[in-house]
Amino acid sequence: MARAAAARRYAKALFALAREEGRVVVVREELVRMDALLAEHAEPRAVLLQPLYPAAERRAVLGAVCERLGVSALLRNFLAFLVDQRRLVEWSEIEAEYGRLADAEAGLTKARVCTASPLSPAQRERLQRALERKTGGRVELEVEVDPALVAGAIAQLGDTVFDGSVRTQLQQLRASLIRA
């Protein structure tokens, strides 16, 4: 829990600096590129994200990665600070939290939707519009299929869950019959 809280604080600090410079979107793109590079290349990822390597070696690898990606001085300095503080190990959490902050600033909410069967384009659009009416902003859908739902869907927007699955309705009916 402490690690997640620290990652949120670092992400908020980076976000505040990027907002101050008017570079929220640019920094997010740089973070995404950095994340993709680290996902593809195990060696730099290991050196950067494992604190057992000396700080000087980690800074050298970081410099090479930042140079290759053309990362801004803002992000380069921030990442060097994380190396010095031995907090780059929280990279994934920091990158994800920054993304959430940038989405919120842009008025975008990501919704995870689990459906019993694949959605047609018309159903997907109708669901997206309904969720946008609920949130009052733009919604980006991430849809997965789970046949165990029987029918219906479960949508999660942040901490709010809308459960319209037949599986849940059957579980509730079963519970009420057992109580009766």
C-alpha atoms as a PDB file:
ATOM      1  CA  MET A   1       0.000   0.000   0.000  1.00  0.00           C
ATOM      2  CA  ALA A   2       2.824   2.409   0.849  1.00  0.00           C
ATOM      3  CA  ARG A   3       4.384   1.738  -2.528  1.00  0.00           C
ATOM      4  CA  ALA A   4       1.163   2.585  -4.357  1.00  0.00           C
ATOM      5  CA  ALA A   5       0.774   5.786  -2.330  1.00  0.00           C
ATOM      6  CA  ALA A   6       4.339   6.809  -3.155  1.00  0.00           C
ATOM      7  CA  ALA A   7       3.763   6.069  -6.850  1.00  0.00           C
ATOM      8  CA  ARG A   8       0.652   8.286  -6.797  1.00  0.00           C
ATOM      9  CA  ARG A   9       2.617  11.128  -5.189  1.00  0.00           C
ATOM     10  CA  TYR A  10       5.384  10.908  -7.787  1.00  0.00           C
ATOM     11  CA  ALA A  11       2.874  10.734 -10.651  1.00  0.00           C
ATOM     12  CA  LYS A  12       1.024  13.766  -9.263  1.00  0.00           C
ATOM     13  CA  ALA A  13       4.307  15.676  -8.994  1.00  0.00           C
ATOM     14  CA  LEU A  14       5.219  14.874 -12.605  1.00  0.00           C
ATOM     15  CA  PHE A  15       1.701  15.764 -13.707  1.00  0.00           C
ATOM     16  CA  ALA A  16       1.880  19.131 -11.911  1.00  0.00           C
ATOM     17  CA  LEU A  17       5.219  19.930 -13.569  1.00  0.00           C
ATOM     18  CA  ALA A  18       3.921  18.886 -17.000  1.00  0.00           C
ATOM     19  CA  ARG A  19       0.743  20.932 -16.549  1.00  0.00           C
ATOM     20  CA  GLU A  20       2.797  23.953 -15.498  1.00  0.00           C
ATOM     21  CA  GLU A  21       4.758  23.677 -18.748  1.00  0.00           C
ATOM     22  CA  GLY A  22       1.647  22.888 -20.826  1.00  0.00           C
ATOM     23  CA  ARG A  23       3.107  19.493 -21.769  1.00  0.00           C
ATOM     24  CA  VAL A  24       0.664  17.008 -20.200  1.00  0.00           C
ATOM     25  CA  VAL A  25      -0.066  15.218 -23.486  1.00  0.00           C
ATOM     26  CA  VAL A  26       3.572  15.262 -24.659  1.00  0.00           C
ATOM     27  CA  VAL A  27       4.834  13.797 -21.375  1.00  0.00           C
ATOM     28  CA  ARG A  28       2.153  11.109 -21.512  1.00  0.00           C
ATOM     29  CA  GLU A  29       3.252  10.143 -25.023  1.00  0.00           C
ATOM     30  CA  GLU A  30       6.852   9.991 -23.812  1.00  0.00           C
ATOM     31  CA  LEU A  31       5.837   7.769 -20.893  1.00  0.00           C
ATOM     32  CA  VAL A  32       3.975   5.434 -23.252  1.00  0.00           C
ATOM     33  CA  ARG A  33       7.002   5.220 -25.576  1.00  0.00           C
ATOM     34  CA  MET A  34       9.275   4.555 -22.599  1.00  0.00           C
ATOM     35  CA  ASP A  35       6.923   1.861 -21.304  1.00  0.00           C
ATOM     36  CA  ALA A  36       6.831   0.178 -24.728  1.00  0.00           C
ATOM     37  CA  LEU A  37      10.624   0.197 -24.964  1.00  0.00           C
ATOM     38  CA  LEU A  38      10.981  -1.277 -21.474  1.00  0.00           C
ATOM     39  CA  ALA A  39       8.399  -3.957 -22.289  1.00  0.00           C
ATOM     40  CA  GLU A  40      10.306  -4.954 -25.441  1.00  0.00           C
ATOM     41  CA  HIS A  41      13.849  -4.922 -24.057  1.00  0.00           C
ATOM     42  CA  ALA A  42      14.505  -6.981 -20.946  1.00  0.00           C
ATOM     43  CA  GLU A  43      18.095  -5.830 -20.320  1.00  0.00           C
ATOM     44  CA  PRO A  44      17.497  -2.066 -19.931  1.00  0.00           C
ATOM     45  CA  ARG A  45      14.312  -2.851 -18.014  1.00  0.00           C
ATOM     46  CA  ALA A  46      16.240  -5.036 -15.563  1.00  0.00           C
ATOM     47  CA  VAL A  47      18.964  -2.431 -15.029  1.00  0.00           C
ATOM     48  CA  LEU A  48      16.538   0.466 -14.601  1.00  0.00           C
ATOM     49  CA  LEU A  49      13.837  -1.199 -12.537  1.00  0.00           C
ATOM     50  CA  GLN A  50      15.934  -3.332 -10.200  1.00  0.00           C
ATOM     51  CA  PRO A  51      17.670  -1.306  -7.502  1.00  0.00           C
ATOM     52  CA  LEU A  52      20.485  -3.859  -7.131  1.00  0.00           C
ATOM     53  CA  TYR A  53      22.406  -2.137  -9.946  1.00  0.00           C
ATOM     54  CA  PRO A  54      24.586   0.841  -8.945  1.00  0.00           C
ATOM     55  CA  ALA A  55      22.952   4.252  -9.394  1.00  0.00           C
ATOM     56  CA  ALA A  56      25.671   5.374 -11.835  1.00  0.00           C
ATOM     57  CA  GLU A  57      24.993   2.394 -14.112  1.00  0.00           C
ATOM     58  CA  ARG A  58      21.249   2.957 -13.885  1.00  0.00           C
ATOM     59  CA  ARG A  59      21.685   6.664 -14.747  1.00  0.00           C
ATOM     60  CA  ALA A  60      23.880   5.755 -17.749  1.00  0.00           C
ATOM     61  CA  VAL A  61      21.269   3.314 -19.091  1.00  0.00           C
ATOM     62  CA  LEU A  62      18.534   5.861 -18.422  1.00  0.00           C
ATOM     63  CA  GLY A  63      20.473   8.497 -20.363  1.00  0.00           C
ATOM     64  CA  ALA A  64      20.875   6.150 -23.333  1.00  0.00           C
ATOM     65  CA  VAL A  65      17.178   5.199 -23.292  1.00  0.00           C
ATOM     66  CA  CYS A  66      16.066   8.826 -23.025  1.00  0.00           C
ATOM     67  CA  GLU A  67      18.405   9.818 -25.839  1.00  0.00           C
ATOM     68  CA  ARG A  68      17.097   7.040 -28.068  1.00  0.00           C
ATOM     69  CA  LEU A  69      13.477   8.055 -27.415  1.00  0.00           C
ATOM     70  CA  GLY A  70      14.085  11.800 -27.643  1.00  0.00           C
ATOM     71  CA  VAL A  71      12.589  12.332 -24.201  1.00  0.00           C
ATOM     72  CA  SER A  72      12.124  15.903 -22.932  1.00  0.00           C
ATOM     73  CA  ALA A  73      14.375  17.372 -20.266  1.00  0.00           C
ATOM     74  CA  LEU A  74      11.399  17.416 -17.887  1.00  0.00           C
ATOM     75  CA  LEU A  75      10.889  13.664 -18.058  1.00  0.00           C
ATOM     76  CA  ARG A  76      14.617  12.910 -18.194  1.00  0.00           C
ATOM     77  CA  ASN A  77      15.205  14.897 -14.982  1.00  0.00           C
ATOM     78  CA  PHE A  78      12.192  13.340 -13.309  1.00  0.00           C
ATOM     79  CA  LEU A  79      13.369   9.815 -14.144  1.00  0.00           C
ATOM     80  CA  ALA A  80      16.909  10.614 -12.969  1.00  0.00           C
ATOM     81  CA  PHE A  81      15.397  11.826  -9.683  1.00  0.00           C
ATOM     82  CA  LEU A  82      13.503   8.534  -9.377  1.00  0.00           C
ATOM     83  CA  VAL A  83      16.742   6.620  -9.943  1.00  0.00           C
ATOM     84  CA  ASP A  84      18.456   8.650  -7.212  1.00  0.00           C
ATOM     85  CA  GLN A  85      15.540   8.056  -4.831  1.00  0.00           C
ATOM     86  CA  ARG A  86      15.445   4.332  -5.716  1.00  0.00           C
ATOM     87  CA  ARG A  87      11.811   4.759  -6.800  1.00  0.00           C
ATOM     88  CA  LEU A  88      12.048   3.811 -10.458  1.00  0.00           C
ATOM     89  CA  VAL A  89      11.032   0.315  -9.322  1.00  0.00           C
ATOM     90  CA  GLU A  90       7.509   1.793  -9.129  1.00  0.00           C
ATOM     91  CA  TRP A  91       7.607   2.675 -12.832  1.00  0.00           C
ATOM     92  CA  SER A  92       4.429   0.818 -13.825  1.00  0.00           C
ATOM     93  CA  GLU A  93       2.347   2.369 -11.050  1.00  0.00           C
ATOM     94  CA  ILE A  94       3.685   5.873 -11.749  1.00  0.00           C
ATOM     95  CA  GLU A  95       3.055   5.574 -15.495  1.00  0.00           C
ATOM     96  CA  ALA A  96      -0.477   4.225 -14.944  1.00  0.00           C
ATOM     97  CA  GLU A  97      -1.369   6.927 -12.399  1.00  0.00           C
ATOM     98  CA  TYR A  98      -0.042   9.672 -14.686  1.00  0.00           C
ATOM     99  CA  GLY A  99      -2.255   8.252 -17.440  1.00  0.00           C
ATOM    100  CA  ARG A 100      -5.303   8.388 -15.150  1.00  0.00           C
ATOM    101  CA  LEU A 101      -4.517  11.993 -14.216  1.00  0.00           C
ATOM    102  CA  ALA A 102      -4.076  12.983 -17.872  1.00  0.00           C
ATOM    103  CA  ASP A 103      -7.350  11.256 -18.808  1.00  0.00           C
ATOM    104  CA  ALA A 104      -9.193  13.027 -15.999  1.00  0.00           C
ATOM    105  CA  GLU A 105      -7.803  16.388 -17.116  1.00  0.00           C
ATOM    106  CA  ALA A 106      -8.972  15.654 -20.671  1.00  0.00           C
ATOM    107  CA  GLY A 107     -12.436  14.653 -19.406  1.00  0.00           C
ATOM    108  CA  LEU A 108     -11.952  11.029 -20.455  1.00  0.00           C
ATOM    109  CA  THR A 109     -13.074   8.071 -18.371  1.00  0.00           C
ATOM    110  CA  LYS A 110     -11.964   4.541 -19.169  1.00  0.00           C
ATOM    111  CA  ALA A 111     -14.642   1.929 -18.697  1.00  0.00           C
ATOM    112  CA  ARG A 112     -13.911  -1.778 -18.401  1.00  0.00           C
ATOM    113  CA  VAL A 113     -16.871  -3.717 -19.730  1.00  0.00           C
ATOM    114  CA  CYS A 114     -17.300  -7.468 -19.476  1.00  0.00           C
ATOM    115  CA  THR A 115     -20.035  -8.943 -21.673  1.00  0.00           C
ATOM    116  CA  ALA A 116     -21.428 -12.443 -22.111  1.00  0.00           C
ATOM    117  CA  SER A 117     -20.986 -12.267 -25.892  1.00  0.00           C
ATOM    118  CA  PRO A 118     -19.188  -9.962 -28.327  1.00  0.00           C
ATOM    119  CA  LEU A 119     -20.833  -6.576 -28.895  1.00  0.00           C
ATOM    120  CA  SER A 120     -21.874  -5.449 -32.336  1.00  0.00           C
ATOM    121  CA  PRO A 121     -20.667  -1.962 -33.338  1.00  0.00           C
ATOM    122  CA  ALA A 122     -24.189  -0.609 -32.746  1.00  0.00           C
ATOM    123  CA  GLN A 123     -24.363  -2.170 -29.249  1.00  0.00           C
ATOM    124  CA  ARG A 124     -20.911  -0.863 -28.414  1.00  0.00           C
ATOM    125  CA  GLU A 125     -21.879   2.648 -29.501  1.00  0.00           C
ATOM    126  CA  ARG A 126     -25.157   2.525 -27.563  1.00  0.00           C
ATOM    127  CA  LEU A 127     -23.340   1.352 -24.423  1.00  0.00           C
ATOM    128  CA  GLN A 128     -20.695   4.046 -24.815  1.00  0.00           C
ATOM    129  CA  ARG A 129     -23.346   6.776 -25.167  1.00  0.00           C
ATOM    130  CA  ALA A 130     -25.219   5.483 -22.090  1.00  0.00           C
ATOM    131  CA  LEU A 131     -22.024   5.531 -20.019  1.00  0.00           C
ATOM    132  CA  GLU A 132     -21.153   9.005 -21.318  1.00  0.00           C
ATOM    133  CA  ARG A 133     -24.564  10.233 -20.150  1.00  0.00           C
ATOM    134  CA  LYS A 134     -23.892   8.706 -16.704  1.00  0.00           C
ATOM    135  CA  THR A 135     -20.444  10.308 -16.380  1.00  0.00           C
ATOM    136  CA  GLY A 136     -21.107  13.560 -18.189  1.00  0.00           C
ATOM    137  CA  GLY A 137     -17.861  13.183 -20.149  1.00  0.00           C
ATOM    138  CA  ARG A 138     -16.181  11.113 -22.817  1.00  0.00           C
ATOM    139  CA  VAL A 139     -15.853   7.374 -22.191  1.00  0.00           C
ATOM    140  CA  GLU A 140     -13.379   4.955 -23.743  1.00  0.00           C
ATOM    141  CA  LEU A 141     -14.516   1.339 -23.654  1.00  0.00           C
ATOM    142  CA  GLU A 142     -12.281  -1.637 -22.978  1.00  0.00           C
ATOM    143  CA  VAL A 143     -14.457  -4.670 -23.702  1.00  0.00           C
ATOM    144  CA  GLU A 144     -13.793  -8.294 -22.808  1.00  0.00           C
ATOM    145  CA  VAL A 145     -16.040 -11.314 -23.265  1.00  0.00           C
ATOM    146  CA  ASP A 146     -16.864 -13.743 -20.428  1.00  0.00           C
ATOM    147  CA  PRO A 147     -19.441 -16.414 -21.375  1.00  0.00           C
ATOM    148  CA  ALA A 148     -19.851 -17.249 -17.651  1.00  0.00           C
ATOM    149  CA  LEU A 149     -21.994 -14.109 -17.319  1.00  0.00           C
ATOM    150  CA  VAL A 150     -24.748 -16.021 -19.183  1.00  0.00           C
ATOM    151  CA  ALA A 151     -26.154 -12.742 -20.592  1.00  0.00           C
ATOM    152  CA  GLY A 152     -25.850  -9.022 -19.945  1.00  0.00           C
ATOM    153  CA  ALA A 153     -22.790  -7.001 -19.006  1.00  0.00           C
ATOM    154  CA  ILE A 154     -20.769  -5.570 -16.145  1.00  0.00           C
ATOM    155  CA  ALA A 155     -19.312  -2.077 -16.580  1.00  0.00           C
ATOM    156  CA  GLN A 156     -16.701  -0.558 -14.263  1.00  0.00           C
ATOM    157  CA  LEU A 157     -15.958   3.166 -14.326  1.00  0.00           C
ATOM    158  CA  GLY A 158     -13.337   3.921 -11.705  1.00  0.00           C
ATOM    159  CA  ASP A 159     -14.774   2.684  -8.399  1.00  0.00           C
ATOM    160  CA  THR A 160     -18.353   2.420  -9.696  1.00  0.00           C
ATOM    161  CA  VAL A 161     -19.643  -0.915 -11.007  1.00  0.00           C
ATOM    162  CA  PHE A 162     -22.862  -1.354 -13.001  1.00  0.00           C
ATOM    163  CA  ASP A 163     -23.738  -5.052 -12.919  1.00  0.00           C
ATOM    164  CA  GLY A 164     -26.459  -6.051 -15.362  1.00  0.00           C
ATOM    165  CA  SER A 165     -25.370  -9.670 -15.754  1.00  0.00           C
ATOM    166  CA  VAL A 166     -27.786 -12.567 -15.574  1.00  0.00           C
ATOM    167  CA  ARG A 167     -25.213 -14.461 -13.496  1.00  0.00           C
ATOM    168  CA  THR A 168     -25.477 -11.864 -10.706  1.00  0.00           C
ATOM    169  CA  GLN A 169     -29.259 -11.796 -10.938  1.00  0.00           C
ATOM    170  CA  LEU A 170     -29.339 -15.593 -10.615  1.00  0.00           C
ATOM    171  CA  GLN A 171     -26.987 -15.444  -7.610  1.00  0.00           C
ATOM    172  CA  GLN A 172     -29.223 -12.850  -5.941  1.00  0.00           C
ATOM    173  CA  LEU A 173     -32.328 -14.943  -6.648  1.00  0.00           C
ATOM    174  CA  ARG A 174     -30.628 -18.024  -5.206  1.00  0.00           C
ATOM    175  CA  ALA A 175     -29.618 -16.123  -2.070  1.00  0.00           C
ATOM    176  CA  SER A 176     -33.146 -14.812  -1.543  1.00  0.00           C
ATOM    177  CA  LEU A 177     -34.643 -18.315  -2.017  1.00  0.00           C
ATOM    178  CA  ILE A 178     -32.213 -19.749   0.543  1.00  0.00           C
ATOM    179  CA  ARG A 179     -33.150 -17.043   3.062  1.00  0.00           C
ATOM    180  CA  ALA A 180     -36.901 -17.627   2.551  1.00  0.00           C
END
